[in-house]
Amino acid sequence: MSIRLIRQLLLAPDESGESGESGRVSLSDVEQKLRELGGSAQSLATDAAPPVIGALVAAGAVAVAAVYLLGRRRGRRQASVLEIRRV
């Protein structure tokens, strides 16, 4: 974010119609605005977490199945064939 955008956000008229105090931006104003922005980003992240976890679990299960099947195939190729004949 640019400093101009932050200044515009902080100096924008609030609900009462007044703009910021004498045009100066204090450190507490910037901190408060960043906390608001961070809070909304955090809520978005927590809302998106369950589908992402489900997708990771499904991808892990597919990976384990693929490794199992490929190892089984390799084991069959390398296994010797034993023939027993009755005499």
N, C-alpha and C. Protein backbone atom coordinates (compact mmCIF):
# COMPACT_ATOMS: atom_id res chain seq x y z
N MET A 1 0.83 -1.17 0.00
CA MET A 1 0.00 0.00 0.00
C MET A 1 0.88 1.24 0.00
N SER A 2 0.48 2.21 -0.74
CA SER A 2 1.26 3.43 -0.76
C SER A 2 0.86 4.33 0.40
N ILE A 3 1.72 5.26 0.69
CA ILE A 3 1.45 6.18 1.79
C ILE A 3 0.26 7.07 1.45
N ARG A 4 0.11 7.43 0.17
CA ARG A 4 -1.03 8.26 -0.22
C ARG A 4 -2.35 7.54 0.07
N LEU A 5 -2.40 6.25 -0.26
CA LEU A 5 -3.63 5.49 -0.03
C LEU A 5 -3.94 5.39 1.45
N ILE A 6 -2.92 5.16 2.26
CA ILE A 6 -3.12 5.08 3.71
C ILE A 6 -3.61 6.42 4.23
N ARG A 7 -3.01 7.50 3.74
CA ARG A 7 -3.42 8.83 4.18
C ARG A 7 -4.87 9.11 3.79
N GLN A 8 -5.26 8.71 2.56
CA GLN A 8 -6.63 8.92 2.12
C GLN A 8 -7.61 8.12 2.99
N LEU A 9 -7.23 6.89 3.32
CA LEU A 9 -8.09 6.08 4.17
C LEU A 9 -8.25 6.68 5.55
N LEU A 10 -7.15 7.19 6.10
CA LEU A 10 -7.20 7.73 7.44
C LEU A 10 -7.88 9.09 7.50
N LEU A 11 -7.74 9.89 6.45
CA LEU A 11 -8.30 11.23 6.46
C LEU A 11 -9.69 11.29 5.85
N ALA A 12 -10.20 10.15 5.38
CA ALA A 12 -11.55 10.14 4.81
C ALA A 12 -12.55 10.50 5.89
N PRO A 13 -13.63 11.18 5.53
CA PRO A 13 -14.63 11.52 6.54
C PRO A 13 -15.24 10.26 7.14
N ASP A 14 -15.36 10.25 8.44
CA ASP A 14 -15.98 9.09 9.09
C ASP A 14 -17.49 9.25 9.13
N GLU A 15 -18.16 8.42 9.89
CA GLU A 15 -19.62 8.40 9.89
C GLU A 15 -20.23 9.73 10.34
N SER A 16 -19.53 10.45 11.21
CA SER A 16 -20.07 11.71 11.71
C SER A 16 -19.89 12.86 10.72
N GLY A 17 -19.16 12.63 9.63
CA GLY A 17 -18.97 13.65 8.61
C GLY A 17 -17.72 14.47 8.82
N GLU A 18 -16.99 14.23 9.92
CA GLU A 18 -15.77 14.97 10.18
C GLU A 18 -14.59 14.22 9.59
N SER A 19 -13.63 14.98 9.11
CA SER A 19 -12.42 14.33 8.64
C SER A 19 -11.46 14.19 9.82
N GLY A 20 -10.29 13.64 9.57
CA GLY A 20 -9.32 13.40 10.62
C GLY A 20 -8.94 14.68 11.34
N GLU A 21 -8.31 14.54 12.49
CA GLU A 21 -8.00 15.68 13.33
C GLU A 21 -6.91 16.54 12.71
N SER A 22 -7.23 17.70 12.29
CA SER A 22 -6.33 18.72 11.75
C SER A 22 -5.41 18.19 10.65
N GLY A 23 -5.80 17.19 9.93
CA GLY A 23 -5.02 16.71 8.79
C GLY A 23 -3.78 15.91 9.15
N ARG A 24 -3.54 15.62 10.40
CA ARG A 24 -2.35 14.86 10.79
C ARG A 24 -2.71 13.40 11.03
N VAL A 25 -1.81 12.54 10.63
CA VAL A 25 -2.00 11.10 10.82
C VAL A 25 -1.08 10.66 11.95
N SER A 26 -1.66 10.13 12.97
CA SER A 26 -0.85 9.67 14.09
C SER A 26 -0.52 8.19 13.92
N LEU A 27 0.44 7.77 14.68
CA LEU A 27 0.86 6.37 14.62
C LEU A 27 -0.27 5.45 15.06
N SER A 28 -1.06 5.87 16.02
CA SER A 28 -2.16 5.03 16.48
C SER A 28 -3.23 4.87 15.40
N ASP A 29 -3.43 5.92 14.56
CA ASP A 29 -4.38 5.82 13.46
C ASP A 29 -3.93 4.76 12.45
N VAL A 30 -2.65 4.80 12.11
CA VAL A 30 -2.11 3.83 11.15
C VAL A 30 -2.20 2.42 11.73
N GLU A 31 -1.84 2.29 12.99
CA GLU A 31 -1.89 0.97 13.64
C GLU A 31 -3.32 0.43 13.67
N GLN A 32 -4.28 1.28 13.99
CA GLN A 32 -5.67 0.84 14.04
C GLN A 32 -6.16 0.39 12.67
N LYS A 33 -5.82 1.15 11.64
CA LYS A 33 -6.27 0.80 10.29
C LYS A 33 -5.63 -0.50 9.82
N LEU A 34 -4.35 -0.70 10.13
CA LEU A 34 -3.69 -1.95 9.75
C LEU A 34 -4.27 -3.14 10.51
N ARG A 35 -4.64 -2.94 11.75
CA ARG A 35 -5.28 -4.03 12.51
C ARG A 35 -6.63 -4.40 11.90
N GLU A 36 -7.38 -3.39 11.44
CA GLU A 36 -8.66 -3.67 10.78
C GLU A 36 -8.46 -4.48 9.51
N LEU A 37 -7.47 -4.06 8.71
CA LEU A 37 -7.21 -4.77 7.46
C LEU A 37 -6.71 -6.19 7.74
N GLY A 38 -5.85 -6.33 8.74
CA GLY A 38 -5.32 -7.65 9.10
C GLY A 38 -6.40 -8.56 9.64
N GLY A 39 -7.35 -8.01 10.37
CA GLY A 39 -8.44 -8.82 10.93
C GLY A 39 -9.31 -9.41 9.84
N SER A 40 -9.60 -8.61 8.79
CA SER A 40 -10.44 -9.13 7.72
C SER A 40 -9.69 -10.19 6.92
N ALA A 41 -8.39 -10.02 6.73
CA ALA A 41 -7.60 -11.03 6.02
C ALA A 41 -7.54 -12.32 6.83
N GLN A 42 -7.44 -12.19 8.13
CA GLN A 42 -7.38 -13.38 8.98
C GLN A 42 -8.70 -14.13 8.95
N SER A 43 -9.81 -13.41 8.93
CA SER A 43 -11.11 -14.09 8.88
C SER A 43 -11.29 -14.81 7.55
N LEU A 44 -10.78 -14.23 6.46
CA LEU A 44 -10.84 -14.91 5.17
C LEU A 44 -10.01 -16.18 5.19
N ALA A 45 -8.86 -16.13 5.82
CA ALA A 45 -7.99 -17.30 5.89
C ALA A 45 -8.64 -18.42 6.71
N THR A 46 -9.29 -18.08 7.81
CA THR A 46 -9.92 -19.11 8.63
C THR A 46 -11.15 -19.70 7.93
N ASP A 47 -11.82 -18.90 7.10
CA ASP A 47 -12.96 -19.43 6.35
C ASP A 47 -12.51 -20.38 5.25
N ALA A 48 -11.34 -20.14 4.68
CA ALA A 48 -10.86 -20.96 3.58
C ALA A 48 -10.11 -22.20 4.06
N ALA A 49 -9.80 -22.31 5.33
CA ALA A 49 -8.98 -23.40 5.85
C ALA A 49 -9.61 -24.79 5.70
N PRO A 50 -10.88 -25.03 6.07
CA PRO A 50 -11.42 -26.39 5.99
C PRO A 50 -11.40 -27.01 4.58
N PRO A 51 -11.78 -26.30 3.52
CA PRO A 51 -11.68 -26.91 2.19
C PRO A 51 -10.24 -27.23 1.79
N VAL A 52 -9.31 -26.38 2.19
CA VAL A 52 -7.91 -26.61 1.86
C VAL A 52 -7.39 -27.86 2.57
N ILE A 53 -7.77 -28.02 3.82
CA ILE A 53 -7.34 -29.21 4.57
C ILE A 53 -7.93 -30.47 3.94
N GLY A 54 -9.19 -30.42 3.53
CA GLY A 54 -9.80 -31.58 2.86
C GLY A 54 -9.09 -31.92 1.56
N ALA A 55 -8.73 -30.91 0.79
CA ALA A 55 -8.01 -31.15 -0.46
C ALA A 55 -6.64 -31.76 -0.20
N LEU A 56 -5.95 -31.30 0.84
CA LEU A 56 -4.64 -31.87 1.17
C LEU A 56 -4.74 -33.32 1.62
N VAL A 57 -5.77 -33.63 2.39
CA VAL A 57 -5.97 -35.02 2.83
C VAL A 57 -6.25 -35.92 1.62
N ALA A 58 -7.09 -35.46 0.69
CA ALA A 58 -7.40 -36.24 -0.50
C ALA A 58 -6.16 -36.43 -1.36
N ALA A 59 -5.36 -35.38 -1.52
CA ALA A 59 -4.12 -35.48 -2.31
C ALA A 59 -3.15 -36.46 -1.66
N GLY A 60 -3.08 -36.44 -0.33
CA GLY A 60 -2.21 -37.38 0.38
C GLY A 60 -2.65 -38.82 0.19
N ALA A 61 -3.96 -39.05 0.24
CA ALA A 61 -4.48 -40.41 0.04
C ALA A 61 -4.20 -40.91 -1.37
N VAL A 62 -4.35 -40.03 -2.36
CA VAL A 62 -4.05 -40.41 -3.75
C VAL A 62 -2.57 -40.71 -3.90
N ALA A 63 -1.71 -39.92 -3.26
CA ALA A 63 -0.27 -40.16 -3.35
C ALA A 63 0.11 -41.50 -2.72
N VAL A 64 -0.46 -41.82 -1.56
CA VAL A 64 -0.16 -43.09 -0.90
C VAL A 64 -0.63 -44.26 -1.76
N ALA A 65 -1.82 -44.15 -2.35
CA ALA A 65 -2.33 -45.22 -3.22
C ALA A 65 -1.45 -45.40 -4.45
N ALA A 66 -0.99 -44.31 -5.04
CA ALA A 66 -0.13 -44.39 -6.22
C ALA A 66 1.19 -45.07 -5.89
N VAL A 67 1.79 -44.71 -4.76
CA VAL A 67 3.07 -45.32 -4.35
C VAL A 67 2.87 -46.81 -4.09
N TYR A 68 1.77 -47.18 -3.46
CA TYR A 68 1.48 -48.59 -3.19
C TYR A 68 1.35 -49.38 -4.50
N LEU A 69 0.56 -48.85 -5.43
CA LEU A 69 0.34 -49.57 -6.69
C LEU A 69 1.61 -49.66 -7.51
N LEU A 70 2.40 -48.61 -7.56
CA LEU A 70 3.66 -48.66 -8.32
C LEU A 70 4.65 -49.63 -7.67
N GLY A 71 4.71 -49.67 -6.36
CA GLY A 71 5.59 -50.62 -5.68
C GLY A 71 5.15 -52.05 -5.88
N ARG A 72 3.86 -52.27 -5.89
CA ARG A 72 3.33 -53.62 -6.13
C ARG A 72 3.66 -54.10 -7.54
N ARG A 73 3.53 -53.18 -8.50
CA ARG A 73 3.86 -53.54 -9.89
C ARG A 73 5.34 -53.86 -10.03
N ARG A 74 6.19 -53.07 -9.41
CA ARG A 74 7.62 -53.31 -9.49
C ARG A 74 7.98 -54.64 -8.83
N GLY A 75 7.32 -54.94 -7.73
CA GLY A 75 7.58 -56.20 -7.04
C GLY A 75 7.18 -57.40 -7.88
N ARG A 76 6.09 -57.28 -8.62
CA ARG A 76 5.67 -58.39 -9.49
C ARG A 76 6.65 -58.59 -10.63
N ARG A 77 7.18 -57.51 -11.18
CA ARG A 77 8.12 -57.63 -12.29
C ARG A 77 9.42 -58.29 -11.85
N GLN A 78 9.89 -57.99 -10.65
CA GLN A 78 11.17 -58.52 -10.20
C GLN A 78 11.06 -59.88 -9.53
N ALA A 79 9.87 -60.34 -9.24
CA ALA A 79 9.71 -61.63 -8.57
C ALA A 79 10.00 -62.76 -9.56
N SER A 80 10.68 -63.76 -9.06
CA SER A 80 10.97 -64.91 -9.93
C SER A 80 9.75 -65.83 -9.98
N VAL A 81 9.64 -66.55 -11.09
CA VAL A 81 8.53 -67.46 -11.26
C VAL A 81 9.00 -68.86 -10.89
N LEU A 82 8.30 -69.49 -9.99
CA LEU A 82 8.68 -70.82 -9.54
C LEU A 82 7.66 -71.80 -10.06
N GLU A 83 8.15 -72.78 -10.81
CA GLU A 83 7.26 -73.79 -11.37
C GLU A 83 7.51 -75.09 -10.65
N ILE A 84 6.48 -75.73 -10.19
CA ILE A 84 6.62 -77.02 -9.55
C ILE A 84 5.91 -78.04 -10.42
N ARG A 85 6.67 -79.09 -10.81
CA ARG A 85 6.08 -80.16 -11.62
C ARG A 85 6.04 -81.44 -10.83
N ARG A 86 4.97 -82.15 -11.02
CA ARG A 86 4.88 -83.47 -10.38
C ARG A 86 5.57 -84.49 -11.27
N VAL A 87 6.26 -85.34 -10.64
CA VAL A 87 6.94 -86.38 -11.39
C VAL A 87 6.22 -87.69 -11.26
